[in-house]
PDB file of N, CA and C in Angstrom:
ATOM      1  N   MET A   1      -6.332 -10.796 -42.307  1.00  0.00           N
ATOM      2  CA  MET A   1      -7.460 -11.991 -43.023  1.00  0.00           C
ATOM      3  C   MET A   1      -8.717 -11.155 -43.388  1.00  0.00           C
ATOM      4  N   PHE A   2      -9.131  -9.907 -42.558  1.00  0.00           N
ATOM      5  CA  PHE A   2     -10.317  -9.331 -43.034  1.00  0.00           C
ATOM      6  C   PHE A   2     -10.151  -8.699 -44.240  1.00  0.00           C
ATOM      7  N   LYS A   3      -9.059  -8.050 -44.554  1.00  0.00           N
ATOM      8  CA  LYS A   3      -8.674  -7.304 -45.595  1.00  0.00           C
ATOM      9  C   LYS A   3      -8.665  -8.329 -47.066  1.00  0.00           C
ATOM     10  N   GLN A   4      -7.924  -9.425 -46.709  1.00  0.00           N
ATOM     11  CA  GLN A   4      -7.989 -10.590 -47.758  1.00  0.00           C
ATOM     12  C   GLN A   4      -9.607 -11.138 -48.352  1.00  0.00           C
ATOM     13  N   PHE A   5     -10.317 -11.365 -47.324  1.00  0.00           N
ATOM     14  CA  PHE A   5     -11.834 -11.766 -47.254  1.00  0.00           C
ATOM     15  C   PHE A   5     -12.386 -10.580 -47.987  1.00  0.00           C
ATOM     16  N   LEU A   6     -12.218  -9.277 -47.536  1.00  0.00           N
ATOM     17  CA  LEU A   6     -13.188  -8.322 -48.308  1.00  0.00           C
ATOM     18  C   LEU A   6     -12.613  -7.785 -50.175  1.00  0.00           C
ATOM     19  N   ASN A   7     -11.038  -8.212 -50.261  1.00  0.00           N
ATOM     20  CA  ASN A   7     -10.730  -8.050 -51.339  1.00  0.00           C
ATOM     21  C   ASN A   7     -11.403  -9.319 -52.556  1.00  0.00           C
ATOM     22  N   GLN A   8     -11.614 -10.625 -51.815  1.00  0.00           N
ATOM     23  CA  GLN A   8     -11.926 -11.497 -52.533  1.00  0.00           C
ATOM     24  C   GLN A   8     -13.346 -11.354 -52.762  1.00  0.00           C
ATOM     25  N   VAL A   9     -14.051 -11.020 -51.983  1.00  0.00           N
ATOM     26  CA  VAL A   9     -15.667 -10.521 -52.074  1.00  0.00           C
ATOM     27  C   VAL A   9     -16.161  -9.463 -53.072  1.00  0.00           C
ATOM     28  N   ASP A  10     -16.592  -9.656 -54.305  1.00  0.00           N
ATOM     29  CA  ASP A  10     -17.156  -8.665 -54.688  1.00  0.00           C
ATOM     30  C   ASP A  10     -18.158  -7.859 -54.491  1.00  0.00           C
ATOM     31  N   GLY A  11     -18.383  -6.689 -54.448  1.00  0.00           N
ATOM     32  CA  GLY A  11     -19.404  -5.908 -54.001  1.00  0.00           C
ATOM     33  C   GLY A  11     -19.704  -6.060 -52.405  1.00  0.00           C
ATOM     34  N   SER A  12     -18.697  -6.444 -51.450  1.00  0.00           N
ATOM     35  CA  SER A  12     -18.793  -6.810 -49.863  1.00  0.00           C
ATOM     36  C   SER A  12     -18.912  -5.550 -49.722  1.00  0.00           C
ATOM     37  N   GLN A  13     -18.811  -4.240 -49.663  1.00  0.00           N
ATOM     38  CA  GLN A  13     -19.018  -3.129 -49.194  1.00  0.00           C
ATOM     39  C   GLN A  13     -20.191  -2.965 -49.188  1.00  0.00           C
ATOM     40  N   VAL A  14     -21.302  -3.181 -50.189  1.00  0.00           N
ATOM     41  CA  VAL A  14     -22.695  -2.987 -50.172  1.00  0.00           C
ATOM     42  C   VAL A  14     -23.375  -3.493 -49.152  1.00  0.00           C
ATOM     43  N   TYR A  15     -22.481  -4.933 -48.910  1.00  0.00           N
ATOM     44  CA  TYR A  15     -23.366  -6.088 -47.718  1.00  0.00           C
ATOM     45  C   TYR A  15     -23.326  -5.144 -46.214  1.00  0.00           C
ATOM     46  N   LEU A  16     -21.882  -4.896 -46.402  1.00  0.00           N
ATOM     47  CA  LEU A  16     -21.608  -4.287 -44.912  1.00  0.00           C
ATOM     48  C   LEU A  16     -22.133  -3.116 -44.513  1.00  0.00           C
ATOM     49  N   ILE A  17     -22.603  -2.322 -45.804  1.00  0.00           N
ATOM     50  CA  ILE A  17     -23.293  -0.828 -45.694  1.00  0.00           C
ATOM     51  C   ILE A  17     -24.808  -1.135 -45.435  1.00  0.00           C
ATOM     52  N   THR A  18     -25.164  -2.407 -45.854  1.00  0.00           N
ATOM     53  CA  THR A  18     -26.610  -2.442 -45.707  1.00  0.00           C
ATOM     54  C   THR A  18     -26.691  -3.099 -44.287  1.00  0.00           C
ATOM     55  N   SER A  19     -25.895  -3.742 -43.942  1.00  0.00           N
ATOM     56  CA  SER A  19     -26.315  -4.418 -42.735  1.00  0.00           C
ATOM     57  C   SER A  19     -26.116  -3.575 -41.499  1.00  0.00           C
ATOM     58  N   LEU A  20     -25.209  -2.480 -41.683  1.00  0.00           N
ATOM     59  CA  LEU A  20     -25.057  -1.499 -40.674  1.00  0.00           C
ATOM     60  C   LEU A  20     -26.371  -0.680 -40.533  1.00  0.00           C
ATOM     61  N   GLY A  21     -26.786  -0.422 -41.974  1.00  0.00           N
ATOM     62  CA  GLY A  21     -28.167   0.458 -42.036  1.00  0.00           C
ATOM     63  C   GLY A  21     -29.364   0.007 -41.519  1.00  0.00           C
ATOM     64  N   ILE A  22     -29.631  -1.415 -41.533  1.00  0.00           N
ATOM     65  CA  ILE A  22     -30.159  -2.298 -40.875  1.00  0.00           C
ATOM     66  C   ILE A  22     -30.284  -2.095 -39.520  1.00  0.00           C
ATOM     67  N   PHE A  23     -29.093  -2.232 -38.956  1.00  0.00           N
ATOM     68  CA  PHE A  23     -29.085  -2.269 -37.501  1.00  0.00           C
ATOM     69  C   PHE A  23     -29.128  -0.831 -37.028  1.00  0.00           C
ATOM     70  N   LEU A  24     -28.707   0.275 -37.605  1.00  0.00           N
ATOM     71  CA  LEU A  24     -29.150   1.532 -37.344  1.00  0.00           C
ATOM     72  C   LEU A  24     -30.532   1.963 -37.325  1.00  0.00           C
ATOM     73  N   LEU A  25     -31.300   1.411 -38.436  1.00  0.00           N
ATOM     74  CA  LEU A  25     -32.598   1.654 -38.274  1.00  0.00           C
ATOM     75  C   LEU A  25     -33.370   0.798 -37.290  1.00  0.00           C
ATOM     76  N   PHE A  26     -32.922  -0.506 -36.983  1.00  0.00           N
ATOM     77  CA  PHE A  26     -33.767  -1.059 -35.970  1.00  0.00           C
ATOM     78  C   PHE A  26     -33.385  -0.291 -34.544  1.00  0.00           C
ATOM     79  N   PHE A  27     -32.395   0.162 -34.288  1.00  0.00           N
ATOM     80  CA  PHE A  27     -31.566   0.721 -32.988  1.00  0.00           C
ATOM     81  C   PHE A  27     -32.522   2.032 -33.016  1.00  0.00           C
ATOM     82  N   ILE A  28     -32.788   2.919 -34.201  1.00  0.00           N
ATOM     83  CA  ILE A  28     -33.406   3.968 -33.664  1.00  0.00           C
ATOM     84  C   ILE A  28     -34.857   3.985 -33.618  1.00  0.00           C
ATOM     85  N   MET A  29     -35.321   2.975 -34.169  1.00  0.00           N
ATOM     86  CA  MET A  29     -36.559   2.652 -34.152  1.00  0.00           C
ATOM     87  C   MET A  29     -37.075   2.168 -32.753  1.00  0.00           C
ATOM     88  N   VAL A  30     -36.160   1.418 -32.210  1.00  0.00           N
ATOM     89  CA  VAL A  30     -36.596   0.841 -30.688  1.00  0.00           C
ATOM     90  C   VAL A  30     -36.678   2.315 -29.778  1.00  0.00           C
ATOM     91  N   ALA A  31     -35.300   2.875 -29.958  1.00  0.00           N
ATOM     92  CA  ALA A  31     -35.437   4.061 -29.043  1.00  0.00           C
ATOM     93  C   ALA A  31     -36.431   5.044 -29.081  1.00  0.00           C
ATOM     94  N   ALA A  32     -36.618   5.415 -30.580  1.00  0.00           N
ATOM     95  CA  ALA A  32     -37.836   6.333 -30.637  1.00  0.00           C
ATOM     96  C   ALA A  32     -39.106   5.586 -29.847  1.00  0.00           C
ATOM     97  N   LEU A  33     -39.531   4.303 -30.161  1.00  0.00           N
ATOM     98  CA  LEU A  33     -40.673   3.715 -29.435  1.00  0.00           C
ATOM     99  C   LEU A  33     -40.307   3.786 -27.809  1.00  0.00           C
ATOM    100  N   LEU A  34     -39.462   3.797 -27.503  1.00  0.00           N
ATOM    101  CA  LEU A  34     -39.105   4.225 -25.912  1.00  0.00           C
ATOM    102  C   LEU A  34     -39.441   5.279 -25.757  1.00  0.00           C
ATOM    103  N   LEU A  35     -38.970   6.379 -26.367  1.00  0.00           N
ATOM    104  CA  LEU A  35     -39.421   7.612 -26.146  1.00  0.00           C
ATOM    105  C   LEU A  35     -40.621   8.171 -26.058  1.00  0.00           C
ATOM    106  N   ILE A  36     -41.507   7.670 -27.028  1.00  0.00           N
ATOM    107  CA  ILE A  36     -42.982   7.997 -26.913  1.00  0.00           C
ATOM    108  C   ILE A  36     -43.766   7.284 -26.239  1.00  0.00           C
ATOM    109  N   MET A  37     -43.366   6.034 -25.920  1.00  0.00           N
ATOM    110  CA  MET A  37     -44.169   5.357 -25.137  1.00  0.00           C
ATOM    111  C   MET A  37     -44.675   6.083 -23.810  1.00  0.00           C
ATOM    112  N   LYS A  38     -45.988   6.082 -23.170  1.00  0.00           N
ATOM    113  CA  LYS A  38     -46.247   6.463 -22.000  1.00  0.00           C
ATOM    114  C   LYS A  38     -45.752   5.702 -20.826  1.00  0.00           C
ATOM    115  N   LYS A  39     -45.229   6.490 -19.880  1.00  0.00           N
ATOM    116  CA  LYS A  39     -44.711   5.902 -18.658  1.00  0.00           C
ATOM    117  C   LYS A  39     -45.404   4.907 -17.876  1.00  0.00           C
ATOM    118  N   ASP A  40     -46.892   5.376 -17.701  1.00  0.00           N
ATOM    119  CA  ASP A  40     -47.614   4.341 -17.392  1.00  0.00           C
ATOM    120  C   ASP A  40     -47.615   2.997 -17.715  1.00  0.00           C
ATOM    121  N   LYS A  41     -47.750   2.689 -19.205  1.00  0.00           N
ATOM    122  CA  LYS A  41     -47.068   1.514 -19.773  1.00  0.00           C
ATOM    123  C   LYS A  41     -45.909   0.717 -19.604  1.00  0.00           C
ATOM    124  N   ILE A  42     -44.944   1.710 -19.430  1.00  0.00           N
ATOM    125  CA  ILE A  42     -43.722   1.262 -19.115  1.00  0.00           C
ATOM    126  C   ILE A  42     -43.594   0.640 -17.705  1.00  0.00           C
ATOM    127  N   LYS A  43     -44.159   1.366 -16.674  1.00  0.00           N
ATOM    128  CA  LYS A  43     -44.415   0.922 -15.461  1.00  0.00           C
ATOM    129  C   LYS A  43     -45.012  -0.730 -15.277  1.00  0.00           C
ATOM    130  N   TYR A  44     -46.064  -0.512 -15.802  1.00  0.00           N
ATOM    131  CA  TYR A  44     -46.925  -1.496 -16.027  1.00  0.00           C
ATOM    132  C   TYR A  44     -46.195  -2.792 -16.708  1.00  0.00           C
ATOM    133  N   MET A  45     -45.333  -2.728 -17.487  1.00  0.00           N
ATOM    134  CA  MET A  45     -44.406  -3.701 -18.480  1.00  0.00           C
ATOM    135  C   MET A  45     -43.419  -4.126 -17.444  1.00  0.00           C
ATOM    136  N   SER A  46     -42.875  -3.321 -16.599  1.00  0.00           N
ATOM    137  CA  SER A  46     -41.936  -3.835 -15.649  1.00  0.00           C
ATOM    138  C   SER A  46     -42.308  -4.418 -14.657  1.00  0.00           C
ATOM    139  N   GLU A  47     -43.378  -4.382 -14.312  1.00  0.00           N
ATOM    140  CA  GLU A  47     -44.035  -4.973 -13.076  1.00  0.00           C
ATOM    141  C   GLU A  47     -44.219  -6.500 -13.182  1.00  0.00           C
ATOM    142  N   LEU A  48     -44.650  -6.849 -14.571  1.00  0.00           N
ATOM    143  CA  LEU A  48     -45.600  -7.908 -15.050  1.00  0.00           C
ATOM    144  C   LEU A  48     -44.781  -9.181 -14.715  1.00  0.00           C
ATOM    145  N   PRO A  49     -43.469  -9.417 -14.630  1.00  0.00           N
ATOM    146  CA  PRO A  49     -42.623 -10.460 -13.937  1.00  0.00           C
ATOM    147  C   PRO A  49     -43.076 -10.632 -12.674  1.00  0.00           C
ATOM    148  N   LEU A  50     -43.194  -9.710 -11.670  1.00  0.00           N
ATOM    149  CA  LEU A  50     -43.052  -9.344 -10.113  1.00  0.00           C
ATOM    150  C   LEU A  50     -44.447  -9.894  -9.817  1.00  0.00           C
ATOM    151  N   LYS A  51     -45.826 -10.070 -10.487  1.00  0.00           N
ATOM    152  CA  LYS A  51     -47.165 -10.052 -10.179  1.00  0.00           C
ATOM    153  C   LYS A  51     -47.437 -11.536 -10.092  1.00  0.00           C
ATOM    154  N   ASP A  52     -48.177 -11.742  -8.904  1.00  0.00           N
ATOM    155  CA  ASP A  52     -48.573 -13.091  -8.891  1.00  0.00           C
ATOM    156  C   ASP A  52     -49.733 -13.571  -9.191  1.00  0.00           C
ATOM    157  N   ASP A  53     -50.792 -12.356  -9.809  1.00  0.00           N
ATOM    158  CA  ASP A  53     -52.005 -12.514 -10.037  1.00  0.00           C
ATOM    159  C   ASP A  53     -51.991 -13.249 -11.521  1.00  0.00           C
ATOM    160  N   VAL A  54     -52.590 -14.565 -11.428  1.00  0.00           N
ATOM    161  CA  VAL A  54     -52.920 -15.452 -12.682  1.00  0.00           C
ATOM    162  C   VAL A  54     -54.324 -15.622 -12.952  1.00  0.00           C
ATOM    163  N   GLN A  55     -54.634 -15.225 -14.275  1.00  0.00           N
ATOM    164  CA  GLN A  55     -56.069 -15.248 -14.628  1.00  0.00           C
ATOM    165  C   GLN A  55     -56.308 -16.540 -15.548  1.00  0.00           C
TER     166      GLN A  55
END
């Protein structure tokens, strides 16, 4: 079924590779952000749902 779809759509490889590239770029950006984020901020953000302090 997928082979028939890919054969009928012209330039479908461009769309597949583009969507894969966008996904990988987003995943790499999120991973890099998590690696460079300060540990204090990660701890603060992880405790937010548990705090009862309402301002």
